[in-house]
Amino acid sequence: MEPEKKSNGAFLGLIIIIVVLVAGGIYIWLSNQKTAEELLQFEVVTNQDSAALDALEQDLNTTDTNIDVDLEAVN
């Protein structure tokens, strides 16, 4: 009777799967971290931006949006 040879195929497959999962997790973590840093970069509002937004809001408030249409008559 020949002695059985041990096969390390299952163990090697498990190691490869774990390495792929860890590498994927690190990639996703780093890509999410970069996205968060980019979002924080655009949060800063300068005085110029604030003044431009105030001017747009004032322009919107002074614009006449009345279209003089009787909605009851449009049926």
PDB file of N, CA and C in Angstrom:
ATOM      1  N   MET A   1       0.823  -1.180   0.000  1.00  0.00           N
ATOM      2  CA  MET A   1       0.000   0.000   0.000  1.00  0.00           C
ATOM      3  C   MET A   1       0.871   1.249   0.000  1.00  0.00           C
ATOM      4  N   GLU A   2       0.523   2.169  -0.869  1.00  0.00           N
ATOM      5  CA  GLU A   2       1.282   3.407  -0.942  1.00  0.00           C
ATOM      6  C   GLU A   2       0.751   4.409   0.082  1.00  0.00           C
ATOM      7  N   PRO A   3       1.642   5.191   0.695  1.00  0.00           N
ATOM      8  CA  PRO A   3       1.149   6.232   1.610  1.00  0.00           C
ATOM      9  C   PRO A   3       0.481   7.355   0.811  1.00  0.00           C
ATOM     10  N   GLU A   4      -0.563   7.921   1.382  1.00  0.00           N
ATOM     11  CA  GLU A   4      -1.293   9.000   0.701  1.00  0.00           C
ATOM     12  C   GLU A   4      -0.452  10.272   0.688  1.00  0.00           C
ATOM     13  N   LYS A   5      -0.442  10.923  -0.458  1.00  0.00           N
ATOM     14  CA  LYS A   5       0.259  12.188  -0.572  1.00  0.00           C
ATOM     15  C   LYS A   5      -0.707  13.311  -0.184  1.00  0.00           C
ATOM     16  N   LYS A   6      -0.225  14.232   0.617  1.00  0.00           N
ATOM     17  CA  LYS A   6      -1.074  15.349   1.022  1.00  0.00           C
ATOM     18  C   LYS A   6      -1.128  16.365  -0.106  1.00  0.00           C
ATOM     19  N   SER A   7      -2.327  16.875  -0.346  1.00  0.00           N
ATOM     20  CA  SER A   7      -2.516  17.886  -1.371  1.00  0.00           C
ATOM     21  C   SER A   7      -2.775  19.219  -0.685  1.00  0.00           C
ATOM     22  N   ASN A   8      -2.013  20.198  -1.049  1.00  0.00           N
ATOM     23  CA  ASN A   8      -2.168  21.532  -0.474  1.00  0.00           C
ATOM     24  C   ASN A   8      -2.975  22.447  -1.389  1.00  0.00           C
ATOM     25  N   GLY A   9      -3.704  21.904  -2.334  1.00  0.00           N
ATOM     26  CA  GLY A   9      -4.470  22.702  -3.287  1.00  0.00           C
ATOM     27  C   GLY A   9      -5.562  23.528  -2.625  1.00  0.00           C
ATOM     28  N   ALA A  10      -6.289  22.929  -1.697  1.00  0.00           N
ATOM     29  CA  ALA A  10      -7.373  23.658  -1.028  1.00  0.00           C
ATOM     30  C   ALA A  10      -6.811  24.792  -0.172  1.00  0.00           C
ATOM     31  N   PHE A  11      -5.710  24.506   0.525  1.00  0.00           N
ATOM     32  CA  PHE A  11      -5.084  25.527   1.360  1.00  0.00           C
ATOM     33  C   PHE A  11      -4.555  26.670   0.512  1.00  0.00           C
ATOM     34  N   LEU A  12      -3.925  26.355  -0.610  1.00  0.00           N
ATOM     35  CA  LEU A  12      -3.399  27.372  -1.508  1.00  0.00           C
ATOM     36  C   LEU A  12      -4.536  28.212  -2.105  1.00  0.00           C
ATOM     37  N   GLY A  13      -5.635  27.574  -2.470  1.00  0.00           N
ATOM     38  CA  GLY A  13      -6.801  28.301  -2.988  1.00  0.00           C
ATOM     39  C   GLY A  13      -7.368  29.250  -1.958  1.00  0.00           C
ATOM     40  N   LEU A  14      -7.443  28.799  -0.712  1.00  0.00           N
ATOM     41  CA  LEU A  14      -7.950  29.646   0.375  1.00  0.00           C
ATOM     42  C   LEU A  14      -7.048  30.864   0.578  1.00  0.00           C
ATOM     43  N   ILE A  15      -5.752  30.681   0.536  1.00  0.00           N
ATOM     44  CA  ILE A  15      -4.808  31.792   0.689  1.00  0.00           C
ATOM     45  C   ILE A  15      -4.985  32.800  -0.445  1.00  0.00           C
ATOM     46  N   ILE A  16      -5.146  32.315  -1.670  1.00  0.00           N
ATOM     47  CA  ILE A  16      -5.321  33.210  -2.820  1.00  0.00           C
ATOM     48  C   ILE A  16      -6.610  34.015  -2.674  1.00  0.00           C
ATOM     49  N   ILE A  17      -7.687  33.374  -2.252  1.00  0.00           N
ATOM     50  CA  ILE A  17      -8.969  34.078  -2.074  1.00  0.00           C
ATOM     51  C   ILE A  17      -8.844  35.156  -0.998  1.00  0.00           C
ATOM     52  N   ILE A  18      -8.180  34.842   0.100  1.00  0.00           N
ATOM     53  CA  ILE A  18      -8.015  35.819   1.186  1.00  0.00           C
ATOM     54  C   ILE A  18      -7.187  37.011   0.714  1.00  0.00           C
ATOM     55  N   VAL A  19      -6.116  36.752  -0.039  1.00  0.00           N
ATOM     56  CA  VAL A  19      -5.268  37.840  -0.539  1.00  0.00           C
ATOM     57  C   VAL A  19      -6.064  38.740  -1.481  1.00  0.00           C
ATOM     58  N   VAL A  20      -6.879  38.149  -2.357  1.00  0.00           N
ATOM     59  CA  VAL A  20      -7.685  38.948  -3.295  1.00  0.00           C
ATOM     60  C   VAL A  20      -8.706  39.792  -2.538  1.00  0.00           C
ATOM     61  N   LEU A  21      -9.351  39.219  -1.525  1.00  0.00           N
ATOM     62  CA  LEU A  21     -10.337  39.976  -0.745  1.00  0.00           C
ATOM     63  C   LEU A  21      -9.683  41.133   0.016  1.00  0.00           C
ATOM     64  N   VAL A  22      -8.523  40.892   0.600  1.00  0.00           N
ATOM     65  CA  VAL A  22      -7.832  41.954   1.337  1.00  0.00           C
ATOM     66  C   VAL A  22      -7.403  43.063   0.379  1.00  0.00           C
ATOM     67  N   ALA A  23      -6.866  42.696  -0.782  1.00  0.00           N
ATOM     68  CA  ALA A  23      -6.451  43.702  -1.759  1.00  0.00           C
ATOM     69  C   ALA A  23      -7.646  44.520  -2.240  1.00  0.00           C
ATOM     70  N   GLY A  24      -8.780  43.878  -2.490  1.00  0.00           N
ATOM     71  CA  GLY A  24      -9.990  44.597  -2.908  1.00  0.00           C
ATOM     72  C   GLY A  24     -10.497  45.530  -1.825  1.00  0.00           C
ATOM     73  N   GLY A  25     -10.452  45.087  -0.583  1.00  0.00           N
ATOM     74  CA  GLY A  25     -10.882  45.936   0.531  1.00  0.00           C
ATOM     75  C   GLY A  25     -10.014  47.166   0.678  1.00  0.00           C
ATOM     76  N   ILE A  26      -8.708  46.994   0.544  1.00  0.00           N
ATOM     77  CA  ILE A  26      -7.793  48.134   0.638  1.00  0.00           C
ATOM     78  C   ILE A  26      -8.033  49.101  -0.515  1.00  0.00           C
ATOM     79  N   TYR A  27      -8.259  48.566  -1.718  1.00  0.00           N
ATOM     80  CA  TYR A  27      -8.519  49.433  -2.881  1.00  0.00           C
ATOM     81  C   TYR A  27      -9.787  50.259  -2.675  1.00  0.00           C
ATOM     82  N   ILE A  28     -10.856  49.635  -2.217  1.00  0.00           N
ATOM     83  CA  ILE A  28     -12.120  50.356  -1.997  1.00  0.00           C
ATOM     84  C   ILE A  28     -11.960  51.385  -0.891  1.00  0.00           C
ATOM     85  N   TRP A  29     -11.258  51.016   0.188  1.00  0.00           N
ATOM     86  CA  TRP A  29     -11.055  51.941   1.294  1.00  0.00           C
ATOM     87  C   TRP A  29     -10.295  53.177   0.839  1.00  0.00           C
ATOM     88  N   LEU A  30      -9.228  52.991   0.052  1.00  0.00           N
ATOM     89  CA  LEU A  30      -8.445  54.128  -0.417  1.00  0.00           C
ATOM     90  C   LEU A  30      -9.218  54.982  -1.414  1.00  0.00           C
ATOM     91  N   SER A  31     -10.040  54.365  -2.265  1.00  0.00           N
ATOM     92  CA  SER A  31     -10.814  55.154  -3.225  1.00  0.00           C
ATOM     93  C   SER A  31     -11.900  55.961  -2.513  1.00  0.00           C
ATOM     94  N   ASN A  32     -12.501  55.411  -1.473  1.00  0.00           N
ATOM     95  CA  ASN A  32     -13.499  56.164  -0.698  1.00  0.00           C
ATOM     96  C   ASN A  32     -12.841  57.297   0.069  1.00  0.00           C
ATOM     97  N   GLN A  33     -11.657  57.082   0.562  1.00  0.00           N
ATOM     98  CA  GLN A  33     -10.944  58.124   1.303  1.00  0.00           C
ATOM     99  C   GLN A  33     -10.604  59.282   0.369  1.00  0.00           C
ATOM    100  N   LYS A  34     -10.211  58.996  -0.855  1.00  0.00           N
ATOM    101  CA  LYS A  34      -9.893  60.043  -1.824  1.00  0.00           C
ATOM    102  C   LYS A  34     -11.143  60.847  -2.170  1.00  0.00           C
ATOM    103  N   THR A  35     -12.279  60.168  -2.333  1.00  0.00           N
ATOM    104  CA  THR A  35     -13.531  60.844  -2.649  1.00  0.00           C
ATOM    105  C   THR A  35     -13.947  61.778  -1.508  1.00  0.00           C
ATOM    106  N   ALA A  36     -13.775  61.345  -0.269  1.00  0.00           N
ATOM    107  CA  ALA A  36     -14.131  62.185   0.878  1.00  0.00           C
ATOM    108  C   ALA A  36     -13.251  63.427   0.926  1.00  0.00           C
ATOM    109  N   GLU A  37     -11.969  63.278   0.604  1.00  0.00           N
ATOM    110  CA  GLU A  37     -11.073  64.439   0.597  1.00  0.00           C
ATOM    111  C   GLU A  37     -11.465  65.416  -0.502  1.00  0.00           C
ATOM    112  N   GLU A  38     -11.892  64.904  -1.661  1.00  0.00           N
ATOM    113  CA  GLU A  38     -12.325  65.783  -2.750  1.00  0.00           C
ATOM    114  C   GLU A  38     -13.589  66.531  -2.364  1.00  0.00           C
ATOM    115  N   LEU A  39     -14.507  65.877  -1.659  1.00  0.00           N
ATOM    116  CA  LEU A  39     -15.734  66.543  -1.229  1.00  0.00           C
ATOM    117  C   LEU A  39     -15.429  67.648  -0.225  1.00  0.00           C
ATOM    118  N   LEU A  40     -14.498  67.410   0.671  1.00  0.00           N
ATOM    119  CA  LEU A  40     -14.135  68.431   1.648  1.00  0.00           C
ATOM    120  C   LEU A  40     -13.479  69.621   0.968  1.00  0.00           C
ATOM    121  N   GLN A  41     -12.787  69.390  -0.125  1.00  0.00           N
ATOM    122  CA  GLN A  41     -12.126  70.471  -0.842  1.00  0.00           C
ATOM    123  C   GLN A  41     -13.144  71.451  -1.407  1.00  0.00           C
ATOM    124  N   PHE A  42     -14.310  70.981  -1.830  1.00  0.00           N
ATOM    125  CA  PHE A  42     -15.296  71.839  -2.464  1.00  0.00           C
ATOM    126  C   PHE A  42     -16.286  72.443  -1.471  1.00  0.00           C
ATOM    127  N   GLU A  43     -16.144  72.153  -0.192  1.00  0.00           N
ATOM    128  CA  GLU A  43     -17.059  72.698   0.796  1.00  0.00           C
ATOM    129  C   GLU A  43     -16.756  74.153   1.145  1.00  0.00           C
ATOM    130  N   VAL A  44     -15.569  74.607   0.884  1.00  0.00           N
ATOM    131  CA  VAL A  44     -15.155  75.954   1.269  1.00  0.00           C
ATOM    132  C   VAL A  44     -15.869  76.972   0.382  1.00  0.00           C
ATOM    133  N   VAL A  45     -16.595  77.893   1.023  1.00  0.00           N
ATOM    134  CA  VAL A  45     -17.289  78.959   0.296  1.00  0.00           C
ATOM    135  C   VAL A  45     -16.602  80.273   0.639  1.00  0.00           C
ATOM    136  N   THR A  46     -16.118  80.939  -0.386  1.00  0.00           N
ATOM    137  CA  THR A  46     -15.414  82.203  -0.162  1.00  0.00           C
ATOM    138  C   THR A  46     -16.416  83.350  -0.102  1.00  0.00           C
ATOM    139  N   ASN A  47     -15.931  84.518   0.247  1.00  0.00           N
ATOM    140  CA  ASN A  47     -16.788  85.705   0.298  1.00  0.00           C
ATOM    141  C   ASN A  47     -17.298  86.064  -1.091  1.00  0.00           C
ATOM    142  N   GLN A  48     -16.472  85.826  -2.107  1.00  0.00           N
ATOM    143  CA  GLN A  48     -16.905  86.091  -3.482  1.00  0.00           C
ATOM    144  C   GLN A  48     -18.075  85.189  -3.858  1.00  0.00           C
ATOM    145  N   ASP A  49     -17.964  83.918  -3.489  1.00  0.00           N
ATOM    146  CA  ASP A  49     -19.045  82.980  -3.780  1.00  0.00           C
ATOM    147  C   ASP A  49     -20.327  83.388  -3.060  1.00  0.00           C
ATOM    148  N   SER A  50     -20.174  83.792  -1.809  1.00  0.00           N
ATOM    149  CA  SER A  50     -21.326  84.209  -1.030  1.00  0.00           C
ATOM    150  C   SER A  50     -21.983  85.445  -1.637  1.00  0.00           C
ATOM    151  N   ALA A  51     -21.187  86.377  -2.087  1.00  0.00           N
ATOM    152  CA  ALA A  51     -21.728  87.593  -2.698  1.00  0.00           C
ATOM    153  C   ALA A  51     -22.443  87.261  -4.007  1.00  0.00           C
ATOM    154  N   ALA A  52     -21.876  86.353  -4.786  1.00  0.00           N
ATOM    155  CA  ALA A  52     -22.512  85.967  -6.048  1.00  0.00           C
ATOM    156  C   ALA A  52     -23.845  85.265  -5.784  1.00  0.00           C
ATOM    157  N   LEU A  53     -23.872  84.410  -4.780  1.00  0.00           N
ATOM    158  CA  LEU A  53     -25.127  83.733  -4.442  1.00  0.00           C
ATOM    159  C   LEU A  53     -26.169  84.721  -3.927  1.00  0.00           C
ATOM    160  N   ASP A  54     -25.746  85.688  -3.135  1.00  0.00           N
ATOM    161  CA  ASP A  54     -26.670  86.712  -2.651  1.00  0.00           C
ATOM    162  C   ASP A  54     -27.239  87.533  -3.815  1.00  0.00           C
ATOM    163  N   ALA A  55     -26.386  87.855  -4.796  1.00  0.00           N
ATOM    164  CA  ALA A  55     -26.854  88.615  -5.963  1.00  0.00           C
ATOM    165  C   ALA A  55     -27.864  87.800  -6.769  1.00  0.00           C
ATOM    166  N   LEU A  56     -27.607  86.508  -6.921  1.00  0.00           N
ATOM    167  CA  LEU A  56     -28.557  85.652  -7.643  1.00  0.00           C
ATOM    168  C   LEU A  56     -29.887  85.554  -6.900  1.00  0.00           C
ATOM    169  N   GLU A  57     -29.806  85.429  -5.579  1.00  0.00           N
ATOM    170  CA  GLU A  57     -31.029  85.344  -4.785  1.00  0.00           C
ATOM    171  C   GLU A  57     -31.824  86.646  -4.860  1.00  0.00           C
ATOM    172  N   GLN A  58     -31.147  87.775  -4.814  1.00  0.00           N
ATOM    173  CA  GLN A  58     -31.817  89.065  -4.921  1.00  0.00           C
ATOM    174  C   GLN A  58     -32.460  89.218  -6.295  1.00  0.00           C
ATOM    175  N   ASP A  59     -31.770  88.787  -7.342  1.00  0.00           N
ATOM    176  CA  ASP A  59     -32.307  88.832  -8.698  1.00  0.00           C
ATOM    177  C   ASP A  59     -33.539  87.944  -8.817  1.00  0.00           C
ATOM    178  N   LEU A  60     -33.500  86.796  -8.182  1.00  0.00           N
ATOM    179  CA  LEU A  60     -34.651  85.889  -8.205  1.00  0.00           C
ATOM    180  C   LEU A  60     -35.841  86.509  -7.482  1.00  0.00           C
ATOM    181  N   ASN A  61     -35.589  87.183  -6.380  1.00  0.00           N
ATOM    182  CA  ASN A  61     -36.676  87.794  -5.626  1.00  0.00           C
ATOM    183  C   ASN A  61     -37.313  88.965  -6.376  1.00  0.00           C
ATOM    184  N   THR A  62     -36.557  89.657  -7.211  1.00  0.00           N
ATOM    185  CA  THR A  62     -37.105  90.802  -7.939  1.00  0.00           C
ATOM    186  C   THR A  62     -37.714  90.405  -9.288  1.00  0.00           C
ATOM    187  N   THR A  63     -37.513  89.174  -9.719  1.00  0.00           N
ATOM    188  CA  THR A  63     -38.055  88.735 -11.003  1.00  0.00           C
ATOM    189  C   THR A  63     -39.560  88.504 -10.879  1.00  0.00           C
ATOM    190  N   ASP A  64     -40.304  89.014 -11.858  1.00  0.00           N
ATOM    191  CA  ASP A  64     -41.753  88.831 -11.872  1.00  0.00           C
ATOM    192  C   ASP A  64     -42.065  87.463 -12.473  1.00  0.00           C
ATOM    193  N   THR A  65     -42.608  86.579 -11.640  1.00  0.00           N
ATOM    194  CA  THR A  65     -42.935  85.228 -12.107  1.00  0.00           C
ATOM    195  C   THR A  65     -44.431  85.047 -12.335  1.00  0.00           C
ATOM    196  N   ASN A  66     -45.174  86.111 -12.245  1.00  0.00           N
ATOM    197  CA  ASN A  66     -46.609  86.032 -12.468  1.00  0.00           C
ATOM    198  C   ASN A  66     -46.862  85.950 -13.974  1.00  0.00           C
ATOM    199  N   ILE A  67     -47.517  84.890 -14.417  1.00  0.00           N
ATOM    200  CA  ILE A  67     -47.731  84.707 -15.858  1.00  0.00           C
ATOM    201  C   ILE A  67     -49.145  85.094 -16.280  1.00  0.00           C
ATOM    202  N   ASP A  68     -49.931  85.571 -15.342  1.00  0.00           N
ATOM    203  CA  ASP A  68     -51.295  86.038 -15.608  1.00  0.00           C
ATOM    204  C   ASP A  68     -52.136  85.023 -16.378  1.00  0.00           C
ATOM    205  N   VAL A  69     -52.135  83.801 -15.909  1.00  0.00           N
ATOM    206  CA  VAL A  69     -52.942  82.759 -16.517  1.00  0.00           C
ATOM    207  C   VAL A  69     -53.951  82.282 -15.477  1.00  0.00           C
ATOM    208  N   ASP A  70     -55.198  82.229 -15.897  1.00  0.00           N
ATOM    209  CA  ASP A  70     -56.242  81.733 -15.007  1.00  0.00           C
ATOM    210  C   ASP A  70     -56.269  80.215 -15.116  1.00  0.00           C
ATOM    211  N   LEU A  71     -55.806  79.547 -14.072  1.00  0.00           N
ATOM    212  CA  LEU A  71     -55.721  78.094 -14.113  1.00  0.00           C
ATOM    213  C   LEU A  71     -57.091  77.436 -14.084  1.00  0.00           C
ATOM    214  N   GLU A  72     -58.094  78.122 -13.580  1.00  0.00           N
ATOM    215  CA  GLU A  72     -59.445  77.564 -13.564  1.00  0.00           C
ATOM    216  C   GLU A  72     -60.043  77.532 -14.972  1.00  0.00           C
ATOM    217  N   ALA A  73     -59.615  78.472 -15.807  1.00  0.00           N
ATOM    218  CA  ALA A  73     -60.166  78.535 -17.168  1.00  0.00           C
ATOM    219  C   ALA A  73     -59.466  77.562 -18.107  1.00  0.00           C
ATOM    220  N   VAL A  74     -58.299  77.071 -17.733  1.00  0.00           N
ATOM    221  CA  VAL A  74     -57.542  76.148 -18.607  1.00  0.00           C
ATOM    222  C   VAL A  74     -57.908  74.729 -18.244  1.00  0.00           C
ATOM    223  N   ASN A  75     -58.988  74.234 -18.828  1.00  0.00           N
ATOM    224  CA  ASN A  75     -59.419  72.851 -18.595  1.00  0.00           C
ATOM    225  C   ASN A  75     -59.766  72.181 -19.870  1.00  0.00           C
TER     226      ASN A  75
END
